[in-house]
Amino acid sequence: MAFVAIRKKTVVIVLSIVLAAVVIAATAATVAVATRTDNGITIVIDAGHGGTDGGVVGVSTGTKESDVNLAISKYLEKHLEKAGYNVVMTRSDGGAVCGGMKYSKREDMKARKSKVNSAAPDLVISVHCNSYPVESVKGAQVFFSAAKGRGETFANTVQSYFNETLNERDRTAMVGDYYILNCTEYPSILCECGFLSNVGEENKLIGASYQEKIAYTIFSAVNSVFDERA
């Protein structure tokens, strides 16, 4: 009988320890959720191209623009989420936004528009890389819609940050007649992060450290605008 009593006591102690561990873990999880920042701002990140539409390719490596766009977009997502932004990605992998086996540019663009409208964002950031027949042309360039209030302030600020951290010469944000800028009412900018047709810039664009540098530059610029509006 004494042996049985000891076993019961041991079981009770073990169960108590397990229960205490569960309570501590649950409490920690609750605190983590409670302290997670959320600034109430939604941003859509649109990684350009995808699927069979690889966009332009690197002049020396053949690297697809779509892959570089996605890498930069994921770094940007990380920085924005860490700062409390709600981020929606139009694509999070190498596939087309519209999905399916048969790619259609029209359907892909419609799918991007649908994701933007569903998110009802405070800003859309479309990420791309550029190409030009003259190899010497390089530098990051930002575009915005001609429609009033659709991202000009964001475009000018991001361009200023690009000029300071990435470009060898100053560029000016420009009006761009791109579908993603004009397909919805939400403020939108398109960031051409550099020229894959320039060997020197291509070699930087395909590297993870430079991709994250671009992403952090965009994040810092956008965050500064929202901070001013707060």
Protein backbone atom coordinates (compact mmCIF):
# COMPACT_ATOMS: atom_id res chain seq x y z
CA MET A 1 0.00 0.00 0.00
CA ALA A 2 2.85 2.39 0.79
CA PHE A 3 4.38 1.67 -2.63
CA VAL A 4 1.08 2.51 -4.36
CA ALA A 5 0.79 5.74 -2.38
CA ILE A 6 4.30 6.78 -3.39
CA ARG A 7 3.53 6.11 -7.07
CA LYS A 8 0.33 8.17 -6.88
CA LYS A 9 2.21 11.03 -5.25
CA THR A 10 4.87 10.87 -7.97
CA VAL A 11 2.23 10.96 -10.70
CA VAL A 12 0.58 13.98 -9.08
CA ILE A 13 3.90 15.82 -8.91
CA VAL A 14 4.72 15.04 -12.55
CA LEU A 15 1.26 16.16 -13.69
CA SER A 16 1.63 19.35 -11.69
CA ILE A 17 4.96 20.10 -13.37
CA VAL A 18 3.52 19.44 -16.83
CA LEU A 19 0.47 21.63 -16.10
CA ALA A 20 2.71 24.43 -14.86
CA ALA A 21 4.79 24.23 -18.04
CA VAL A 22 1.66 24.41 -20.19
CA VAL A 23 0.39 27.45 -18.26
CA ILE A 24 3.75 29.22 -18.60
CA ALA A 25 3.89 28.51 -22.35
CA ALA A 26 0.33 29.71 -22.85
CA THR A 27 1.02 32.87 -20.87
CA ALA A 28 4.14 33.56 -22.90
CA ALA A 29 2.21 33.10 -26.14
CA THR A 30 -0.50 35.47 -24.90
CA VAL A 31 2.09 38.12 -24.02
CA ALA A 32 3.75 37.69 -27.44
CA VAL A 33 0.44 38.24 -29.21
CA ALA A 34 -0.45 41.17 -26.99
CA THR A 35 2.84 42.94 -27.60
CA ARG A 36 2.90 42.43 -31.38
CA THR A 37 2.81 45.84 -33.04
CA ASP A 38 0.11 46.72 -35.56
CA ASN A 39 0.03 50.23 -36.94
CA GLY A 40 -3.23 49.71 -38.85
CA ILE A 41 -1.63 50.37 -42.26
CA THR A 42 -1.94 47.86 -45.10
CA ILE A 43 0.60 47.69 -47.92
CA VAL A 44 0.41 45.45 -50.98
CA ILE A 45 3.75 44.33 -52.38
CA ASP A 46 3.52 43.34 -56.01
CA ALA A 47 6.51 41.28 -57.17
CA GLY A 48 6.51 41.87 -60.92
CA HIS A 49 6.16 39.01 -63.43
CA GLY A 50 6.21 35.33 -62.38
CA GLY A 51 5.48 31.92 -63.83
CA THR A 52 6.39 31.65 -67.50
CA ASP A 53 6.66 35.45 -67.61
CA GLY A 54 10.20 35.92 -66.34
CA GLY A 55 10.45 39.56 -67.41
CA VAL A 56 13.83 40.81 -68.64
CA VAL A 57 16.99 38.77 -68.07
CA GLY A 58 20.46 39.61 -66.84
CA VAL A 59 22.81 40.47 -69.69
CA SER A 60 25.66 38.31 -68.37
CA THR A 61 24.04 35.73 -66.10
CA GLY A 62 20.63 35.27 -67.67
CA THR A 63 19.00 35.73 -64.26
CA LYS A 64 15.25 36.25 -64.59
CA GLU A 65 13.85 39.55 -63.44
CA SER A 66 10.93 37.74 -61.81
CA ASP A 67 13.31 35.98 -59.40
CA VAL A 68 15.07 39.20 -58.41
CA ASN A 69 11.72 40.98 -57.96
CA LEU A 70 10.47 38.25 -55.64
CA ALA A 71 13.65 38.23 -53.55
CA ILE A 72 13.51 42.00 -53.02
CA SER A 73 9.78 41.82 -52.27
CA LYS A 74 10.30 39.20 -49.56
CA TYR A 75 12.97 41.30 -47.87
CA LEU A 76 10.64 44.29 -48.07
CA GLU A 77 7.82 42.24 -46.56
CA LYS A 78 10.06 41.29 -43.65
CA HIS A 79 11.03 44.89 -42.87
CA LEU A 80 7.47 46.19 -43.14
CA GLU A 81 5.95 43.45 -40.98
CA LYS A 82 8.63 43.96 -38.34
CA ALA A 83 7.57 47.62 -38.16
CA GLY A 84 3.91 46.70 -37.68
CA TYR A 85 2.53 47.01 -41.20
CA ASN A 86 -0.06 44.57 -42.51
CA VAL A 87 1.49 43.22 -45.72
CA VAL A 88 -0.28 41.48 -48.60
CA MET A 89 1.83 39.89 -51.35
CA THR A 90 0.39 39.48 -54.82
CA ARG A 91 2.69 36.46 -55.17
CA SER A 92 4.93 34.71 -52.66
CA ASP A 93 6.55 32.15 -54.92
CA GLY A 94 7.82 31.77 -58.48
CA GLY A 95 4.40 31.10 -59.97
CA ALA A 96 2.09 33.46 -61.80
CA VAL A 97 -0.46 35.37 -59.76
CA CYS A 98 -3.34 34.02 -61.86
CA GLY A 99 -2.24 30.41 -61.30
CA GLY A 100 -3.19 27.58 -63.61
CA MET A 101 -1.18 25.76 -66.22
CA LYS A 102 -1.87 28.16 -69.09
CA TYR A 103 -0.39 31.62 -68.52
CA SER A 104 -2.29 34.69 -69.66
CA LYS A 105 -0.87 38.18 -69.15
CA ARG A 106 -4.37 39.63 -69.13
CA GLU A 107 -5.56 37.18 -66.48
CA ASP A 108 -2.42 37.72 -64.43
CA MET A 109 -2.97 41.48 -64.39
CA LYS A 110 -6.62 40.99 -63.45
CA ALA A 111 -5.56 38.72 -60.59
CA ARG A 112 -3.18 41.40 -59.29
CA LYS A 113 -5.95 43.99 -59.47
CA SER A 114 -8.28 41.68 -57.57
CA LYS A 115 -5.72 41.16 -54.78
CA VAL A 116 -5.17 44.90 -54.47
CA ASN A 117 -8.90 45.64 -54.30
CA SER A 118 -9.47 42.88 -51.75
CA ALA A 119 -6.72 44.30 -49.51
CA ALA A 120 -7.96 47.91 -49.81
CA PRO A 121 -4.40 49.05 -49.05
CA ASP A 122 -2.94 52.38 -48.03
CA LEU A 123 -0.20 51.84 -50.60
CA VAL A 124 0.79 49.46 -53.40
CA ILE A 125 4.49 48.90 -54.11
CA SER A 126 5.26 47.11 -57.37
CA VAL A 127 8.83 45.78 -57.58
CA HIS A 128 10.62 45.42 -60.92
CA CYS A 129 14.02 45.52 -62.61
CA ASN A 130 14.79 47.46 -65.77
CA SER A 131 16.50 46.89 -69.12
CA TYR A 132 17.77 49.18 -71.88
CA PRO A 133 19.61 48.62 -75.18
CA VAL A 134 22.45 50.93 -74.10
CA GLU A 135 24.45 49.01 -71.47
CA SER A 136 25.81 52.09 -69.73
CA VAL A 137 22.33 53.12 -68.52
CA LYS A 138 21.78 52.23 -64.85
CA GLY A 139 20.12 53.39 -61.66
CA ALA A 140 16.92 52.81 -59.68
CA GLN A 141 13.83 54.67 -60.91
CA VAL A 142 10.39 55.18 -59.35
CA PHE A 143 7.11 55.73 -61.21
CA PHE A 144 3.66 56.85 -60.07
CA SER A 145 0.23 57.36 -61.62
CA ALA A 146 -0.72 60.66 -63.20
CA ALA A 147 -4.03 60.52 -61.31
CA LYS A 148 -4.10 63.01 -58.44
CA GLY A 149 -3.23 61.57 -55.05
CA ARG A 150 -2.07 58.18 -56.31
CA GLY A 151 1.36 57.91 -54.84
CA GLU A 152 3.37 60.94 -55.97
CA THR A 153 4.60 61.76 -52.47
CA PHE A 154 5.68 58.18 -51.89
CA ALA A 155 7.36 58.05 -55.31
CA ASN A 156 9.31 61.25 -54.73
CA THR A 157 10.45 60.10 -51.30
CA VAL A 158 11.52 56.63 -52.45
CA GLN A 159 13.36 58.17 -55.39
CA SER A 160 15.18 60.53 -53.05
CA TYR A 161 16.26 57.58 -50.89
CA PHE A 162 17.32 55.64 -53.99
CA ASN A 163 19.44 58.57 -55.12
CA GLU A 164 21.09 58.79 -51.72
CA THR A 165 21.83 55.09 -51.21
CA LEU A 166 21.85 53.35 -54.62
CA ASN A 167 22.29 55.73 -57.54
CA GLU A 168 25.47 57.39 -58.76
CA ARG A 169 23.46 60.28 -60.16
CA ASP A 170 20.15 61.78 -59.12
CA ARG A 171 17.00 60.67 -60.88
CA THR A 172 13.53 62.17 -60.64
CA ALA A 173 10.36 60.17 -59.93
CA MET A 174 8.27 60.04 -63.09
CA VAL A 175 4.69 59.47 -64.19
CA GLY A 176 4.35 55.96 -65.55
CA ASP A 177 1.54 54.53 -67.64
CA TYR A 178 1.60 51.05 -66.06
CA TYR A 179 -1.42 48.86 -65.41
CA ILE A 180 -0.61 48.25 -61.75
CA LEU A 181 -0.47 52.02 -61.14
CA ASN A 182 -3.77 52.76 -62.83
CA CYS A 183 -5.96 49.72 -62.22
CA THR A 184 -7.24 50.78 -58.79
CA GLU A 185 -7.96 53.90 -56.76
CA TYR A 186 -5.26 53.16 -54.19
CA PRO A 187 -1.93 55.05 -54.05
CA SER A 188 0.61 53.03 -56.01
CA ILE A 189 4.26 53.24 -56.96
CA LEU A 190 6.40 51.12 -59.26
CA CYS A 191 10.06 50.70 -58.32
CA GLU A 192 12.49 49.78 -61.09
CA CYS A 193 15.33 48.71 -58.81
CA GLY A 194 18.11 48.79 -61.38
CA PHE A 195 19.11 47.66 -64.87
CA LEU A 196 19.79 43.99 -65.54
CA SER A 197 21.15 45.15 -68.90
CA ASN A 198 24.09 46.82 -67.13
CA VAL A 199 26.67 44.20 -66.11
CA GLY A 200 27.82 46.03 -63.00
CA GLU A 201 24.31 46.66 -61.74
CA GLU A 202 23.20 43.15 -62.70
CA ASN A 203 25.94 41.64 -60.55
CA LYS A 204 24.69 43.67 -57.60
CA LEU A 205 21.00 42.99 -58.23
CA ILE A 206 21.42 39.21 -58.16
CA GLY A 207 23.15 39.32 -54.75
CA ALA A 208 21.19 38.86 -51.52
CA SER A 209 22.92 41.70 -49.65
CA TYR A 210 22.09 44.25 -52.36
CA GLN A 211 18.54 42.94 -52.68
CA GLU A 212 18.02 43.51 -48.97
CA LYS A 213 19.65 46.94 -49.23
CA ILE A 214 17.11 47.90 -51.90
CA ALA A 215 14.25 46.55 -49.80
CA TYR A 216 15.39 48.42 -46.71
CA THR A 217 15.75 51.63 -48.73
CA ILE A 218 12.16 51.34 -49.98
CA PHE A 219 10.95 50.49 -46.47
CA SER A 220 12.76 53.45 -44.90
CA ALA A 221 11.34 55.88 -47.45
CA VAL A 222 7.77 54.62 -47.20
CA ASN A 223 7.94 54.48 -43.41
CA SER A 224 9.13 58.09 -43.29
CA VAL A 225 6.05 59.23 -45.24
CA PHE A 226 3.64 57.37 -42.98
CA ASP A 227 5.47 58.71 -39.91
CA GLU A 228 4.95 62.25 -41.17
CA ARG A 229 1.24 61.58 -41.65
CA ALA A 230 0.76 60.06 -38.21
